[in-house]
């Protein structure tokens, strides 16, 4: 008969690092060329004027200007940058 409990394996103890997603520049803020506006998984925000999208769905500015968030239909949102 054993005098010590066997140390069983645990199935916990793992967690992924946070990916720091979300809006990085808000409406009305000034941005420069190449500034990241939004980091996202999938196309939650659509592309508006003067912005482009990276392969990981990151939206960034193509010109210097001011950020504007616009609503298309009810739940769809788009991001644009307009020159000052």
N, C-alpha and C. Protein backbone atom coordinates (compact mmCIF):
# COMPACT_ATOMS: atom_id res chain seq x y z
N UNK A 1 0.85 -1.19 0.00
CA UNK A 1 0.00 0.00 0.00
C UNK A 1 0.89 1.24 0.00
N UNK A 2 0.53 2.22 -0.83
CA UNK A 2 1.35 3.44 -0.94
C UNK A 2 1.17 4.34 0.27
N UNK A 3 2.26 4.98 0.65
CA UNK A 3 2.21 5.89 1.78
C UNK A 3 2.09 7.35 1.34
N UNK A 4 2.27 7.61 0.03
CA UNK A 4 2.14 8.99 -0.48
C UNK A 4 1.13 8.98 -1.63
N UNK A 5 0.41 10.09 -1.76
CA UNK A 5 -0.52 10.21 -2.88
C UNK A 5 0.25 10.39 -4.17
N UNK A 6 -0.19 9.76 -5.22
CA UNK A 6 0.45 9.97 -6.52
C UNK A 6 0.14 11.37 -7.02
N UNK A 7 1.12 12.01 -7.67
CA UNK A 7 0.86 13.37 -8.19
C UNK A 7 0.24 13.24 -9.57
N UNK A 8 -1.04 13.48 -9.66
CA UNK A 8 -1.75 13.37 -10.92
C UNK A 8 -1.45 14.55 -11.83
N UNK A 9 -1.66 14.37 -13.09
CA UNK A 9 -1.42 15.47 -14.03
C UNK A 9 -2.61 16.42 -14.01
N UNK A 10 -2.34 17.67 -14.30
CA UNK A 10 -3.41 18.66 -14.32
C UNK A 10 -3.70 19.07 -15.77
N UNK A 11 -4.93 19.44 -16.04
CA UNK A 11 -5.29 19.86 -17.40
C UNK A 11 -5.42 21.37 -17.51
N UNK A 12 -5.09 22.08 -16.42
CA UNK A 12 -5.14 23.53 -16.44
C UNK A 12 -3.75 24.10 -16.68
N UNK A 13 -3.63 25.40 -16.52
CA UNK A 13 -2.30 26.00 -16.52
C UNK A 13 -1.84 26.56 -17.85
N UNK A 14 -2.70 26.65 -18.83
CA UNK A 14 -2.32 27.23 -20.12
C UNK A 14 -3.22 28.42 -20.42
N UNK A 15 -2.64 29.44 -20.99
CA UNK A 15 -3.43 30.59 -21.42
C UNK A 15 -2.64 31.31 -22.50
N UNK A 16 -3.32 31.86 -23.47
CA UNK A 16 -2.62 32.56 -24.55
C UNK A 16 -2.40 34.01 -24.16
N UNK A 17 -1.41 34.62 -24.78
CA UNK A 17 -1.15 36.04 -24.55
C UNK A 17 -2.25 36.86 -25.21
N UNK A 18 -2.61 38.00 -24.59
CA UNK A 18 -3.64 38.85 -25.18
C UNK A 18 -3.10 39.47 -26.46
N UNK A 19 -3.95 39.69 -27.45
CA UNK A 19 -3.52 40.15 -28.76
C UNK A 19 -3.67 41.64 -28.97
N UNK A 20 -4.13 42.36 -27.96
CA UNK A 20 -4.25 43.83 -28.00
C UNK A 20 -5.05 44.30 -29.21
N UNK A 21 -6.24 43.73 -29.38
CA UNK A 21 -7.11 44.12 -30.48
C UNK A 21 -7.94 45.33 -30.09
N UNK A 22 -8.58 45.95 -31.08
CA UNK A 22 -9.50 47.04 -30.79
C UNK A 22 -9.16 48.31 -31.52
N UNK A 23 -9.90 49.36 -31.20
CA UNK A 23 -9.74 50.67 -31.83
C UNK A 23 -8.52 51.35 -31.22
N UNK A 24 -7.61 51.81 -32.08
CA UNK A 24 -6.39 52.48 -31.61
C UNK A 24 -6.48 53.99 -31.76
N UNK A 25 -7.21 54.47 -32.74
CA UNK A 25 -7.43 55.91 -32.92
C UNK A 25 -8.94 56.13 -33.01
N UNK A 26 -9.44 57.10 -32.25
CA UNK A 26 -10.88 57.32 -32.15
C UNK A 26 -11.32 58.45 -33.08
N UNK A 27 -12.63 58.60 -33.24
CA UNK A 27 -13.19 59.63 -34.10
C UNK A 27 -12.76 61.02 -33.68
N UNK A 28 -12.35 61.83 -34.64
CA UNK A 28 -11.91 63.19 -34.36
C UNK A 28 -10.42 63.32 -34.10
N UNK A 29 -9.71 62.20 -33.96
CA UNK A 29 -8.27 62.26 -33.72
C UNK A 29 -7.51 62.49 -35.02
N UNK A 30 -6.39 63.20 -34.92
CA UNK A 30 -5.52 63.41 -36.07
C UNK A 30 -4.61 62.20 -36.24
N UNK A 31 -4.42 61.77 -37.48
CA UNK A 31 -3.53 60.64 -37.77
C UNK A 31 -2.58 61.00 -38.90
N UNK A 32 -1.47 60.30 -38.94
CA UNK A 32 -0.50 60.45 -40.02
C UNK A 32 -0.59 59.26 -40.97
N UNK A 33 0.14 59.32 -42.06
CA UNK A 33 0.15 58.23 -43.01
C UNK A 33 0.68 56.97 -42.32
N UNK A 34 -0.03 55.86 -42.48
CA UNK A 34 0.42 54.58 -41.93
C UNK A 34 0.01 54.32 -40.51
N UNK A 35 -0.63 55.28 -39.84
CA UNK A 35 -1.08 55.04 -38.47
C UNK A 35 -2.13 53.93 -38.44
N UNK A 36 -2.02 53.03 -37.47
CA UNK A 36 -3.00 51.95 -37.30
C UNK A 36 -4.24 52.52 -36.62
N UNK A 37 -5.40 52.29 -37.23
CA UNK A 37 -6.66 52.78 -36.68
C UNK A 37 -7.35 51.70 -35.85
N UNK A 38 -7.39 50.46 -36.39
CA UNK A 38 -8.11 49.37 -35.73
C UNK A 38 -7.36 48.06 -35.96
N UNK A 39 -7.24 47.27 -34.90
CA UNK A 39 -6.78 45.89 -35.04
C UNK A 39 -7.99 45.01 -34.76
N UNK A 40 -8.27 44.07 -35.66
CA UNK A 40 -9.50 43.30 -35.53
C UNK A 40 -9.30 41.89 -36.06
N UNK A 41 -10.18 41.00 -35.66
CA UNK A 41 -10.25 39.64 -36.21
C UNK A 41 -11.47 39.59 -37.11
N UNK A 42 -11.27 39.44 -38.39
CA UNK A 42 -12.38 39.49 -39.32
C UNK A 42 -12.72 40.94 -39.63
N UNK A 43 -13.73 41.12 -40.45
CA UNK A 43 -14.08 42.46 -40.93
C UNK A 43 -15.17 43.11 -40.10
N UNK A 44 -14.93 43.39 -38.82
CA UNK A 44 -15.96 44.03 -38.01
C UNK A 44 -16.21 45.45 -38.48
N UNK A 45 -15.14 46.17 -38.81
CA UNK A 45 -15.24 47.52 -39.36
C UNK A 45 -14.92 47.45 -40.85
N UNK A 46 -15.74 48.10 -41.66
CA UNK A 46 -15.52 48.12 -43.11
C UNK A 46 -14.60 49.28 -43.48
N UNK A 47 -14.08 49.23 -44.68
CA UNK A 47 -13.17 50.27 -45.15
C UNK A 47 -13.94 51.44 -45.72
N UNK A 48 -13.53 52.64 -45.34
CA UNK A 48 -14.11 53.86 -45.88
C UNK A 48 -13.11 54.54 -46.80
N UNK A 49 -13.10 55.86 -46.78
CA UNK A 49 -12.21 56.64 -47.63
C UNK A 49 -10.81 56.74 -47.03
N UNK A 50 -9.81 56.63 -47.87
CA UNK A 50 -8.41 56.85 -47.51
C UNK A 50 -7.88 55.92 -46.43
N UNK A 51 -8.40 54.71 -46.37
CA UNK A 51 -7.85 53.70 -45.47
C UNK A 51 -7.63 52.41 -46.26
N UNK A 52 -6.76 51.55 -45.74
CA UNK A 52 -6.50 50.26 -46.37
C UNK A 52 -6.47 49.19 -45.28
N UNK A 53 -6.45 47.93 -45.73
CA UNK A 53 -6.54 46.82 -44.79
C UNK A 53 -5.37 45.87 -45.00
N UNK A 54 -4.72 45.47 -43.91
CA UNK A 54 -3.63 44.50 -43.98
C UNK A 54 -4.17 43.09 -44.04
N UNK A 55 -3.24 42.12 -44.18
CA UNK A 55 -3.68 40.73 -44.31
C UNK A 55 -4.26 40.16 -43.02
N UNK A 56 -3.97 40.80 -41.88
CA UNK A 56 -4.57 40.36 -40.61
C UNK A 56 -5.76 41.24 -40.24
N UNK A 57 -6.35 41.91 -41.23
CA UNK A 57 -7.55 42.76 -41.10
C UNK A 57 -7.29 44.07 -40.35
N UNK A 58 -6.02 44.43 -40.15
CA UNK A 58 -5.69 45.71 -39.52
C UNK A 58 -6.02 46.84 -40.48
N UNK A 59 -6.72 47.86 -40.00
CA UNK A 59 -7.06 49.02 -40.83
C UNK A 59 -6.09 50.14 -40.50
N UNK A 60 -5.49 50.72 -41.55
CA UNK A 60 -4.52 51.80 -41.36
C UNK A 60 -4.79 52.94 -42.32
N UNK A 61 -4.23 54.10 -42.01
CA UNK A 61 -4.49 55.32 -42.77
C UNK A 61 -3.56 55.44 -43.97
N UNK A 62 -4.10 55.92 -45.08
CA UNK A 62 -3.30 56.17 -46.28
C UNK A 62 -2.90 57.63 -46.43
N UNK A 63 -3.55 58.51 -45.67
CA UNK A 63 -3.23 59.94 -45.72
C UNK A 63 -3.19 60.51 -44.30
N UNK A 64 -2.68 61.70 -44.17
CA UNK A 64 -2.77 62.41 -42.89
C UNK A 64 -4.12 63.11 -42.84
N UNK A 65 -4.78 63.06 -41.71
CA UNK A 65 -6.09 63.69 -41.61
C UNK A 65 -6.76 63.36 -40.30
N UNK A 66 -8.09 63.41 -40.32
CA UNK A 66 -8.90 63.18 -39.13
C UNK A 66 -9.77 61.94 -39.33
N UNK A 67 -9.84 61.11 -38.29
CA UNK A 67 -10.59 59.85 -38.34
C UNK A 67 -12.07 60.12 -38.15
N UNK A 68 -12.89 59.41 -38.94
CA UNK A 68 -14.35 59.47 -38.76
C UNK A 68 -14.94 58.08 -38.84
N UNK A 69 -15.81 57.77 -37.87
CA UNK A 69 -16.55 56.51 -37.89
C UNK A 69 -17.95 56.80 -38.39
N UNK A 70 -18.40 56.00 -39.36
CA UNK A 70 -19.73 56.21 -39.94
C UNK A 70 -20.52 54.92 -39.86
N UNK A 71 -21.83 55.06 -39.77
CA UNK A 71 -22.70 53.89 -39.69
C UNK A 71 -23.38 53.69 -41.04
N UNK A 72 -23.22 52.47 -41.57
CA UNK A 72 -23.93 52.11 -42.80
C UNK A 72 -25.00 51.12 -42.38
N UNK A 73 -26.22 51.34 -42.81
CA UNK A 73 -27.36 50.52 -42.39
C UNK A 73 -27.47 50.57 -40.87
N UNK A 74 -27.79 49.45 -40.21
CA UNK A 74 -28.00 49.52 -38.76
C UNK A 74 -26.76 49.13 -37.98
N UNK A 75 -26.18 47.97 -38.29
CA UNK A 75 -25.10 47.47 -37.46
C UNK A 75 -23.74 47.52 -38.12
N UNK A 76 -23.68 47.92 -39.39
CA UNK A 76 -22.40 47.97 -40.07
C UNK A 76 -21.73 49.33 -39.85
N UNK A 77 -20.43 49.29 -39.55
CA UNK A 77 -19.68 50.53 -39.31
C UNK A 77 -18.53 50.61 -40.28
N UNK A 78 -18.21 51.82 -40.68
CA UNK A 78 -17.04 51.99 -41.54
C UNK A 78 -16.16 53.10 -41.00
N UNK A 79 -14.88 53.02 -41.33
CA UNK A 79 -13.88 53.97 -40.85
C UNK A 79 -13.31 54.70 -42.04
N UNK A 80 -13.20 56.02 -41.93
CA UNK A 80 -12.63 56.84 -42.99
C UNK A 80 -11.65 57.82 -42.37
N UNK A 81 -10.74 58.31 -43.22
CA UNK A 81 -9.85 59.40 -42.82
C UNK A 81 -10.03 60.51 -43.83
N UNK A 82 -10.33 61.71 -43.35
CA UNK A 82 -10.54 62.86 -44.23
C UNK A 82 -9.42 63.87 -44.03
N UNK A 83 -8.94 64.49 -45.14
CA UNK A 83 -7.87 65.48 -45.00
C UNK A 83 -8.33 66.69 -44.20
N UNK A 84 -7.38 67.33 -43.56
CA UNK A 84 -7.70 68.49 -42.71
C UNK A 84 -7.95 69.71 -43.58
